[in-house]
Protein backbone atom coordinates (compact mmCIF):
# COMPACT_ATOMS: atom_id res chain seq x y z
CA MET A 1 7.43 -23.91 -0.49
CA ILE A 2 7.27 -20.13 -0.25
CA ARG A 3 8.84 -17.88 2.72
CA LEU A 4 7.26 -14.77 2.76
CA ARG A 5 9.72 -12.96 4.95
CA PHE A 6 11.57 -9.69 5.15
CA ILE A 7 8.14 -7.87 4.10
CA HIS A 8 9.64 -4.49 5.40
CA LEU A 9 12.49 -4.80 2.90
CA LEU A 10 9.88 -5.29 0.12
CA LEU A 11 8.19 -2.01 1.14
CA LEU A 12 11.19 -0.19 0.91
CA PHE A 13 12.97 -1.67 -1.98
CA PRO A 14 11.66 -3.21 -5.46
CA VAL A 15 12.04 -6.91 -6.20
CA TYR A 16 14.79 -7.50 -8.44
CA GLY A 17 15.17 -10.61 -10.59
CA LEU A 18 12.00 -11.29 -11.54
CA LEU A 19 11.81 -15.05 -13.26
CA ALA A 20 11.18 -15.35 -16.82
CA GLN A 21 7.59 -16.17 -17.93
CA GLU A 22 7.10 -19.96 -17.62
CA ALA A 23 4.54 -22.33 -18.54
CA MET A 24 4.00 -23.19 -14.85
CA LEU A 25 3.11 -20.45 -12.76
CA SER A 26 4.23 -21.34 -9.36
CA LYS A 27 3.01 -19.69 -6.16
CA GLU A 28 6.53 -18.29 -5.39
CA VAL A 29 6.43 -16.52 -8.85
CA ALA A 30 3.02 -15.33 -8.24
CA VAL A 31 4.15 -13.99 -4.86
CA ILE A 32 6.85 -12.07 -6.61
CA LYS A 33 5.07 -10.74 -9.20
CA VAL A 34 2.14 -9.26 -6.96
CA LEU A 35 4.88 -7.74 -5.03
CA GLU A 36 6.30 -6.42 -7.64
CA ASN A 37 3.52 -5.40 -10.06
CA ASN A 38 0.48 -4.61 -8.23
CA TYR A 39 -0.96 -1.37 -8.22
CA GLY A 40 -2.34 -1.39 -4.74
CA ILE A 41 0.81 -2.26 -3.59
CA GLU A 42 2.83 0.13 -5.31
CA ILE A 43 0.67 2.99 -3.96
CA ALA A 44 1.00 1.47 -0.51
CA LYS A 45 4.97 1.75 -1.01
CA ASN A 46 4.35 5.20 -2.32
CA GLN A 47 2.81 6.25 1.03
CA VAL A 48 5.39 4.50 3.14
CA ASP A 49 8.02 6.77 1.04
CA ILE A 50 5.91 9.94 1.77
CA ALA A 51 5.93 9.10 5.71
CA GLU A 52 9.46 8.20 5.66
CA ASN A 53 10.26 11.85 4.35
CA ASN A 54 7.92 13.44 6.72
CA ALA A 55 9.99 11.82 9.50
CA SER A 56 13.44 12.62 8.40
CA MET A 57 15.54 15.22 9.98
CA LEU A 58 14.70 17.65 7.37
CA ASN A 59 11.42 18.05 8.25
CA SER A 60 11.87 17.89 12.09
CA GLY A 61 12.22 21.40 13.07
CA TYR A 62 15.77 21.09 14.43
CA LEU A 63 17.60 22.60 11.64
CA PRO A 64 18.07 26.39 11.40
CA THR A 65 16.64 28.68 8.73
CA LEU A 66 18.92 30.64 6.53
CA THR A 67 17.65 33.16 4.62
CA GLY A 68 19.32 35.37 1.74
CA THR A 69 18.32 38.64 0.48
CA ALA A 70 19.66 41.16 -2.21
CA GLY A 71 18.80 44.47 -3.95
CA ALA A 72 19.81 46.96 -6.43
CA THR A 73 18.50 50.27 -7.26
CA TYR A 74 19.33 52.79 -10.11
CA ASN A 75 18.27 56.25 -10.19
CA ALA A 76 19.11 58.88 -13.10
CA ASN A 77 18.18 62.48 -12.26
CA ASN A 78 17.87 65.89 -13.97
CA THR A 79 17.92 68.58 -11.44
CA THR A 80 17.33 72.38 -12.09
CA THR A 81 17.89 74.62 -8.87
CA GLU A 82 16.14 77.98 -9.18
CA PHE A 83 17.13 80.78 -6.89
CA PRO A 84 13.95 83.48 -7.47
CA GLY A 85 14.79 86.97 -6.42
CA GLN A 86 18.21 86.67 -5.88
CA VAL A 87 20.75 88.57 -7.51
CA ASP A 88 24.64 87.68 -8.06
CA GLU A 89 27.69 89.90 -7.30
CA ASN A 90 26.83 92.12 -10.41
CA ASN A 91 23.49 92.89 -9.29
CA LYS A 92 21.96 90.47 -11.96
CA PRO A 93 19.25 87.64 -11.26
CA ARG A 94 21.22 84.80 -9.66
CA ALA A 95 21.55 81.95 -12.72
CA ASP A 96 19.97 78.26 -12.45
CA ILE A 97 22.08 75.34 -11.49
CA GLU A 98 21.59 72.38 -13.55
CA VAL A 99 22.64 69.07 -13.02
CA ASN A 100 21.57 66.48 -15.77
CA ASP A 101 21.88 62.78 -15.87
CA ALA A 102 23.03 62.73 -11.95
CA GLU A 103 23.05 58.84 -11.57
CA SER A 104 22.85 56.94 -8.15
CA GLN A 105 22.94 53.28 -7.40
CA ARG A 106 22.27 51.43 -4.37
CA TYR A 107 22.93 47.57 -3.89
CA ASN A 108 22.34 45.61 -0.38
CA ALA A 109 22.92 41.98 0.25
CA ALA A 110 21.96 40.11 3.43
CA LEU A 111 22.16 36.58 5.00
CA ASN A 112 19.78 35.91 8.27
CA LEU A 113 20.13 32.89 10.48
CA ASN A 114 17.33 31.87 12.69
CA TYR A 115 17.69 28.91 15.22
CA THR A 116 14.91 27.61 17.84
CA LEU A 117 16.85 26.72 20.89
CA PHE A 118 13.82 25.72 22.80
CA ASP A 119 9.99 25.50 21.69
CA GLY A 120 8.72 24.07 24.89
CA MET A 121 9.57 20.38 23.71
CA GLY A 122 7.08 20.62 20.86
CA ARG A 123 9.17 19.84 17.84
CA PHE A 124 10.86 16.96 19.93
CA TYR A 125 7.24 15.16 20.21
CA THR A 126 6.13 16.40 16.92
CA PHE A 127 9.44 14.36 15.28
CA LYS A 128 8.57 11.12 17.40
CA ARG A 129 4.78 11.46 16.30
CA LEU A 130 5.90 11.84 12.80
CA LYS A 131 8.25 8.67 13.28
CA GLU A 132 5.28 6.94 14.68
CA GLN A 133 3.10 8.26 11.74
CA TYR A 134 5.81 6.33 9.39
CA ASN A 135 5.26 2.90 11.57
CA LEU A 136 1.79 3.24 10.96
CA SER A 137 2.09 3.66 7.35
CA THR A 138 4.29 0.79 7.07
CA LEU A 139 1.50 -1.39 9.06
CA GLN A 140 -1.28 -0.12 6.48
CA ALA A 141 1.00 -1.10 3.66
CA ARG A 142 1.43 -4.33 5.41
CA GLU A 143 -2.33 -4.70 5.80
CA THR A 144 -2.76 -3.71 1.76
CA ILE A 145 -0.36 -6.71 1.23
CA GLU A 146 -1.96 -9.07 3.24
CA ASN A 147 -5.18 -8.43 1.77
CA THR A 148 -3.88 -8.17 -1.57
CA MET A 149 -1.99 -11.82 -1.02
CA LEU A 150 -5.25 -13.00 0.35
CA GLN A 151 -7.11 -11.90 -3.20
CA MET A 152 -4.30 -13.23 -5.32
CA PHE A 153 -4.47 -16.91 -3.58
CA SER A 154 -8.26 -16.76 -3.93
CA VAL A 155 -7.98 -16.51 -7.68
CA TYR A 156 -4.85 -18.77 -7.88
CA PHE A 157 -6.87 -21.52 -6.12
CA GLU A 158 -9.46 -20.96 -8.11
CA ILE A 159 -7.79 -21.52 -11.14
CA ALA A 160 -6.19 -24.64 -9.42
CA ARG A 161 -9.92 -25.98 -9.04
CA LEU A 162 -11.07 -25.40 -12.29
CA THR A 163 -7.75 -26.67 -13.55
CA GLU A 164 -8.64 -30.14 -11.61
CA ASN A 165 -12.15 -30.01 -12.63
CA LYS A 166 -11.15 -29.96 -16.36
CA ASN A 167 -8.90 -32.70 -15.84
CA VAL A 168 -11.70 -34.52 -14.35
CA GLN A 169 -14.57 -33.66 -16.65
CA LYS A 170 -11.89 -34.57 -19.83
CA GLN A 171 -11.89 -38.13 -18.20
CA ALA A 172 -15.40 -38.43 -18.20
CA LEU A 173 -15.79 -37.03 -21.66
CA GLU A 174 -13.56 -39.72 -22.68
CA ILE A 175 -15.45 -42.17 -20.56
CA SER A 176 -18.60 -41.13 -22.32
CA THR A 177 -17.06 -41.18 -25.95
CA ASP A 178 -15.52 -44.86 -25.50
CA ARG A 179 -19.52 -45.76 -24.48
CA ILE A 180 -20.68 -44.55 -27.57
CA LYS A 181 -18.37 -46.90 -29.49
CA ARG A 182 -18.78 -49.54 -27.33
CA ALA A 183 -22.64 -48.89 -27.84
CA GLU A 184 -22.21 -48.94 -31.63
CA TYR A 185 -20.33 -52.20 -31.71
CA SER A 186 -22.83 -53.73 -29.56
CA PHE A 187 -25.66 -52.51 -31.74
CA GLU A 188 -23.87 -54.15 -34.79
CA TYR A 189 -23.62 -57.27 -32.98
CA GLY A 190 -27.35 -57.22 -32.24
CA GLN A 191 -26.28 -56.99 -28.57
CA SER A 192 -27.83 -53.69 -27.52
CA THR A 193 -30.32 -51.32 -28.86
CA LYS A 194 -30.21 -47.72 -30.58
CA LEU A 195 -31.42 -46.27 -27.47
CA ASP A 196 -27.92 -47.00 -25.92
CA ILE A 197 -26.18 -45.16 -28.62
CA LEU A 198 -28.27 -42.42 -27.83
CA ASN A 199 -28.20 -42.20 -24.37
CA ALA A 200 -24.45 -42.52 -24.77
CA GLN A 201 -24.59 -39.25 -27.38
CA VAL A 202 -26.44 -37.50 -24.89
CA ASP A 203 -23.76 -37.83 -22.00
CA VAL A 204 -21.10 -37.13 -24.49
CA THR A 205 -22.81 -33.66 -25.23
CA ASN A 206 -23.32 -33.09 -21.56
CA ASP A 207 -19.71 -33.76 -20.68
CA SER A 208 -18.75 -31.54 -23.61
CA ILE A 209 -20.88 -28.75 -22.68
CA SER A 210 -19.61 -28.83 -19.04
CA LEU A 211 -16.02 -29.12 -20.26
CA LEU A 212 -16.57 -25.92 -22.28
CA ASN A 213 -18.21 -24.02 -19.50
CA THR A 214 -15.39 -25.08 -17.18
CA GLU A 215 -12.51 -24.17 -19.84
CA GLN A 216 -14.58 -20.45 -20.34
CA GLN A 217 -14.35 -20.31 -16.30
CA LEU A 218 -10.60 -21.12 -16.12
CA ALA A 219 -10.05 -18.41 -18.84
CA ASN A 220 -11.76 -15.57 -16.85
CA ALA A 221 -10.24 -16.91 -13.79
CA ARG A 222 -6.78 -16.43 -15.56
CA ARG A 223 -7.59 -13.12 -16.54
CA ASP A 224 -8.60 -11.96 -12.86
CA LEU A 225 -5.11 -13.41 -11.73
CA ASN A 226 -3.46 -11.21 -14.57
CA VAL A 227 -5.19 -8.11 -13.17
CA VAL A 228 -3.88 -8.89 -9.44
CA LEU A 229 -0.30 -9.64 -11.23
CA ASN A 230 -0.83 -6.68 -13.52
CA GLN A 231 0.33 -8.58 -16.45
CA ASN A 232 -0.94 -9.14 -20.05
CA LEU A 233 -4.72 -10.16 -19.40
CA ASN A 234 -4.20 -12.67 -22.28
CA GLU A 235 -1.30 -14.46 -20.58
CA THR A 236 -1.63 -18.24 -20.39
CA TYR A 237 -0.21 -20.52 -17.56
CA GLU A 238 -0.59 -23.42 -15.64
CA VAL A 239 -0.70 -23.36 -11.80
CA ASP A 240 0.22 -25.53 -8.84
CA THR A 241 -2.44 -27.57 -7.42
CA THR A 242 -0.45 -29.02 -4.73
CA ILE A 243 -1.71 -28.10 -1.00
CA VAL A 244 -0.08 -28.36 2.10
CA PHE A 245 -1.76 -27.59 5.30
CA ILE A 246 0.00 -26.18 8.35
CA PRO A 247 0.12 -28.54 11.63
CA LYS A 248 -2.82 -27.49 13.84
CA LEU A 249 -0.12 -27.00 16.75
CA GLN A 250 1.66 -24.30 15.00
CA ILE A 251 -1.75 -22.59 14.23
CA VAL A 252 -2.42 -22.92 17.76
CA GLU A 253 1.08 -20.97 18.72
CA TYR A 254 0.27 -18.34 15.98
CA MET A 255 -3.16 -17.80 17.79
CA GLU A 256 -1.41 -17.15 21.28
CA ASN A 257 0.42 -14.61 19.75
CA THR A 258 -2.36 -12.94 18.12
CA ILE A 259 -2.28 -9.68 20.28
CA SER A 260 1.25 -8.78 19.22
CA ASN A 261 1.19 -9.76 15.31
CA ASN A 262 -2.23 -8.78 14.39
CA VAL A 263 -1.89 -5.98 12.00
CA ALA A 264 -5.08 -4.27 13.04
CA ILE A 265 -4.45 -4.51 16.84
CA LEU A 266 -0.88 -3.11 15.92
CA GLN A 267 -2.67 -0.29 14.02
CA THR A 268 -4.55 0.96 16.80
CA GLU A 269 -1.49 0.72 18.98
CA SER A 270 0.11 3.05 16.64
CA ASN A 271 -2.60 5.50 16.89
CA LEU A 272 -2.72 5.02 20.67
CA ASN A 273 1.29 6.45 20.55
CA ILE A 274 0.30 9.06 17.89
CA ASN A 275 -2.33 10.30 20.39
CA ALA A 276 -0.30 10.17 23.46
CA TYR A 277 2.69 12.45 21.26
CA ASP A 278 -0.40 14.82 20.41
CA ILE A 279 -1.14 15.49 24.28
CA LYS A 280 2.43 16.58 24.65
CA VAL A 281 2.92 18.57 21.74
CA SER A 282 -0.34 20.71 22.77
CA LYS A 283 1.41 20.98 26.40
CA SER A 284 4.34 22.61 24.88
CA GLY A 285 2.08 25.63 24.33
CA TYR A 286 2.42 26.38 28.07
CA LEU A 287 6.37 26.81 27.99
CA PRO A 288 8.41 29.69 26.41
CA ILE A 289 10.17 29.70 23.07
CA ILE A 290 14.03 30.63 23.01
CA GLY A 291 15.42 31.27 19.65
CA LEU A 292 18.80 32.51 18.11
CA ASN A 293 19.21 35.01 15.16
CA GLY A 294 22.35 36.09 13.38
CA SER A 295 22.53 38.45 10.41
CA TYR A 296 25.31 39.60 7.88
CA GLY A 297 24.40 42.50 5.54
CA TRP A 298 26.26 44.55 3.20
CA ASN A 299 25.52 48.14 1.28
CA ARG A 300 27.10 50.07 -1.34
CA ASN A 301 25.72 53.65 -2.21
CA GLN A 302 26.88 55.39 -5.30
CA ASN A 303 25.14 58.94 -4.66
CA ALA A 304 24.87 61.20 -7.30
CA PRO A 305 26.31 64.78 -7.53
CA SER A 306 24.12 67.51 -5.73
CA ALA A 307 24.15 71.42 -5.91
CA PHE A 308 25.21 73.79 -3.36
CA LEU A 309 23.81 77.26 -2.60
CA THR A 310 27.06 78.87 -3.45
CA GLY A 311 26.37 77.48 -7.07
CA ALA A 312 28.82 74.90 -6.91
CA VAL A 313 28.19 71.17 -7.49
CA PHE A 314 29.22 68.96 -4.94
CA PRO A 315 30.71 65.53 -6.48
CA GLY A 316 28.83 62.15 -5.90
CA THR A 317 30.37 60.02 -2.82
CA ASN A 318 30.44 56.07 -2.70
CA SER A 319 30.17 54.10 0.64
CA ASN A 320 30.50 50.36 1.66
CA VAL A 321 28.88 49.54 4.90
CA GLY A 322 29.28 45.86 5.97
CA SER A 323 27.00 44.73 9.42
CA MET A 324 26.67 41.69 11.47
CA SER A 325 24.52 41.15 14.19
CA LEU A 326 23.66 38.50 16.82
CA GLY A 327 20.80 38.24 18.91
CA ALA A 328 18.37 36.09 21.21
CA SER A 329 14.74 36.05 21.77
CA LEU A 330 12.40 34.97 24.42
CA SER A 331 8.59 34.58 23.62
CA TRP A 332 6.09 33.06 26.29
CA ASN A 333 2.66 33.30 25.79
CA LEU A 334 1.39 33.68 29.36
CA PHE A 335 -2.31 33.37 28.38
CA ASP A 336 -3.98 32.50 24.98
CA GLY A 337 -7.19 33.04 25.73
CA GLY A 338 -7.31 29.31 27.10
CA GLY A 339 -6.72 27.74 23.59
CA THR A 340 -3.67 25.55 24.75
CA THR A 341 -6.02 24.49 27.57
CA VAL A 342 -8.84 23.28 25.42
CA ARG A 343 -6.08 21.60 22.96
CA VAL A 344 -4.84 19.47 25.96
CA LYS A 345 -8.35 18.81 26.85
CA ASN A 346 -9.20 17.55 23.54
CA ALA A 347 -5.97 15.39 23.09
CA LYS A 348 -6.57 13.86 26.09
CA ILE A 349 -10.04 12.58 25.10
CA THR A 350 -8.78 11.50 21.74
CA TYR A 351 -6.35 9.50 23.53
CA ALA A 352 -8.93 8.00 25.54
CA ASN A 353 -11.24 7.15 22.76
CA GLN A 354 -8.56 5.38 20.87
CA ALA A 355 -7.65 3.22 23.86
CA LEU A 356 -11.35 2.46 23.93
CA LEU A 357 -11.30 1.49 20.17
CA ARG A 358 -8.22 -0.79 20.93
CA LYS A 359 -9.91 -2.69 23.33
CA GLN A 360 -12.83 -2.87 20.87
CA VAL A 361 -10.48 -4.08 18.22
CA GLU A 362 -8.77 -6.38 20.22
CA LEU A 363 -12.32 -8.23 21.11
CA GLU A 364 -13.61 -8.37 17.44
CA VAL A 365 -10.09 -9.72 16.47
CA ASN A 366 -10.24 -12.56 19.09
CA ARG A 367 -13.94 -13.14 17.99
CA ASP A 368 -13.14 -13.40 14.27
CA MET A 369 -9.90 -15.32 14.92
CA GLN A 370 -12.03 -18.29 17.01
CA ASN A 371 -14.73 -18.06 14.14
CA ALA A 372 -12.11 -18.40 11.63
CA MET A 373 -10.59 -21.29 13.52
CA ALA A 374 -14.03 -23.06 13.54
CA ILE A 375 -14.85 -22.51 10.19
CA TYR A 376 -11.22 -23.80 9.12
CA GLU A 377 -11.71 -26.94 11.12
CA ASN A 378 -14.88 -27.68 9.76
CA ARG A 379 -13.61 -27.27 6.32
CA LEU A 380 -10.59 -29.38 6.88
CA LYS A 381 -13.02 -31.94 8.08
CA ILE A 382 -15.37 -31.78 4.98
CA TYR A 383 -12.09 -32.20 3.20
CA ARG A 384 -11.06 -35.35 4.54
CA ILE A 385 -14.49 -36.92 4.23
CA GLN A 386 -14.61 -35.89 0.33
CA GLU A 387 -11.24 -37.49 0.11
CA GLN A 388 -12.66 -40.73 1.59
CA ASN A 389 -15.86 -40.07 -0.46
CA VAL A 390 -13.81 -39.80 -3.71
CA ILE A 391 -12.09 -43.41 -2.63
CA THR A 392 -15.64 -44.96 -2.24
CA ASN A 393 -16.81 -43.54 -5.38
CA GLN A 394 -13.84 -44.35 -7.33
CA ASN A 395 -14.17 -48.13 -6.01
CA ASN A 396 -17.78 -47.99 -6.99
CA PHE A 397 -17.36 -46.90 -10.33
CA GLU A 398 -14.58 -49.33 -11.00
CA ARG A 399 -16.98 -52.17 -9.91
CA SER A 400 -20.05 -50.49 -12.32
CA LYS A 401 -17.68 -50.25 -15.20
CA GLU A 402 -16.66 -54.16 -14.62
CA GLN A 403 -20.20 -54.74 -14.59
CA PHE A 404 -21.80 -52.64 -17.21
CA GLN A 405 -18.92 -54.45 -19.73
CA LEU A 406 -20.30 -57.75 -18.66
CA GLY A 407 -23.62 -56.55 -19.44
CA SER A 408 -25.00 -56.93 -15.85
CA ILE A 409 -26.27 -53.29 -15.38
CA THR A 410 -27.63 -50.78 -17.69
CA SER A 411 -25.81 -47.90 -19.34
CA ILE A 412 -28.11 -45.49 -17.04
CA GLU A 413 -26.93 -47.15 -13.71
CA PHE A 414 -23.49 -46.84 -15.39
CA ARG A 415 -23.93 -43.25 -15.86
CA GLN A 416 -25.12 -42.95 -12.41
CA ALA A 417 -21.95 -44.07 -11.01
CA GLN A 418 -20.05 -41.88 -13.35
CA ILE A 419 -21.83 -38.86 -12.44
CA ASN A 420 -21.22 -39.80 -8.46
CA LEU A 421 -17.65 -40.18 -8.89
CA LEU A 422 -17.53 -36.66 -11.20
CA ASN A 423 -19.34 -34.96 -8.08
CA ALA A 424 -17.29 -36.48 -5.72
CA GLN A 425 -14.04 -35.43 -7.36
CA THR A 426 -15.22 -31.65 -7.78
CA ASN A 427 -16.56 -31.63 -4.40
CA LYS A 428 -13.31 -32.63 -3.05
CA ASN A 429 -11.67 -30.09 -5.18
CA LEU A 430 -13.68 -27.35 -3.84
CA ALA A 431 -13.30 -28.68 -0.49
CA LYS A 432 -9.66 -28.67 -0.44
CA TYR A 433 -9.18 -25.05 -1.64
CA ASP A 434 -11.83 -23.77 0.62
CA ALA A 435 -9.93 -25.32 3.81
CA LYS A 436 -6.80 -23.79 2.37
CA LEU A 437 -8.24 -20.17 1.90
CA ALA A 438 -9.96 -20.57 5.40
CA GLU A 439 -6.48 -21.50 6.66
CA LEU A 440 -5.04 -18.46 5.22
CA GLN A 441 -7.67 -15.87 6.60
CA LEU A 442 -6.97 -17.53 9.74
CA LEU A 443 -3.38 -16.82 9.35
CA GLN A 444 -4.19 -13.46 8.47
CA LEU A 445 -5.95 -12.82 11.64
CA THR A 446 -3.14 -14.13 13.49
CA GLY A 447 -0.61 -11.84 12.11
CA GLN A 448 1.44 -14.74 10.17
CA LEU A 449 0.15 -14.46 6.65
CA LEU A 450 3.86 -13.16 5.53
CA ASN A 451 5.76 -14.89 7.58
CA ILE A 452 4.62 -18.83 6.52
CA GLU A 453 5.25 -21.21 4.10
CA LEU A 454 2.70 -22.43 1.75
């Protein structure tokens, strides 16, 4: 029995301890492999991880921002100061003053801190919206897993059906082969004609072809399942052909709680919550924004020597400055041209549309569930009828076999009894797995597919 519980944990953590490949691929191992390896489920898990990252405190807007800046400047100058028309104390033209390779350097560094104390509750509802978006992502991943599970079991049960059909056709081929031997013995002793041998040979040929076709279909179905499980396409195995149906009373109980468990309805509710937060985020534009800011800066200047009019050269100077500042700011968009009002109105309309969509989805789910229940009950009845039909045809075949061996009926009549039994057995196999798939589809609509035993 398989219990597909703790699906939320499976979304967040890989499945460890994957069982070694065995000749029998049980339903439990198939479930583990599809959760571990299926590409669609892996993509869904990654989407959940992205939503989780977006909903973290680091993306909330509640944390301050700290910015660091630094710079350095280097200058090397050659300066010539001329004094045209001027003379010195000796009444000679005043000499030029040259300052070569005058180096100056400037360094600065600063840290700036900004923090929003209040933004009209915008970031508060944005953060809640991101949390709800994460919840929606988990629901979408759950839907992906449910659909993949149905796909996996559809192929798994097809392999089981073809396996049982193969066994039935093997038995039919053995019976037809045995008929050839009996017909040859009877012909040798003059108790039958060559026609009986030819009829038996024709039946062996037809049964062999049917068996070959079933084996080919079985190989194709295995490859289909290998794709879903993301394993070697040529991997071979047997599957479990045991089918257990859930009691009807339990299914009815599940159906009564569909509204609170169906993944499609839950997604519409999550979207409704997101739209409600959108309205509140839009309304935050009506309120002011209050922020704090602070900074610390450091500057160092190394000034180059400079010339004086007296002819002297003033030596270079060094200075170090450290500064710190704190401040607060208030920003209030008293009128933004009506943009905030329009956004609020549109958000309310979107919310109303989502509410209507939820009612529509709920109505459709109830319809689909009732249809699925009717289909399931019908297929289950067909399966029970086919079970009885196999018993009837088995008894008919056994009596026909006895009469054929006694010579009371012809080989054609015996063959017809054999075909009737073969058809009854294959129809029963088809009805059994069709009924189980219908049950799984019904369970998906009730939201219990991942919480039941199979």
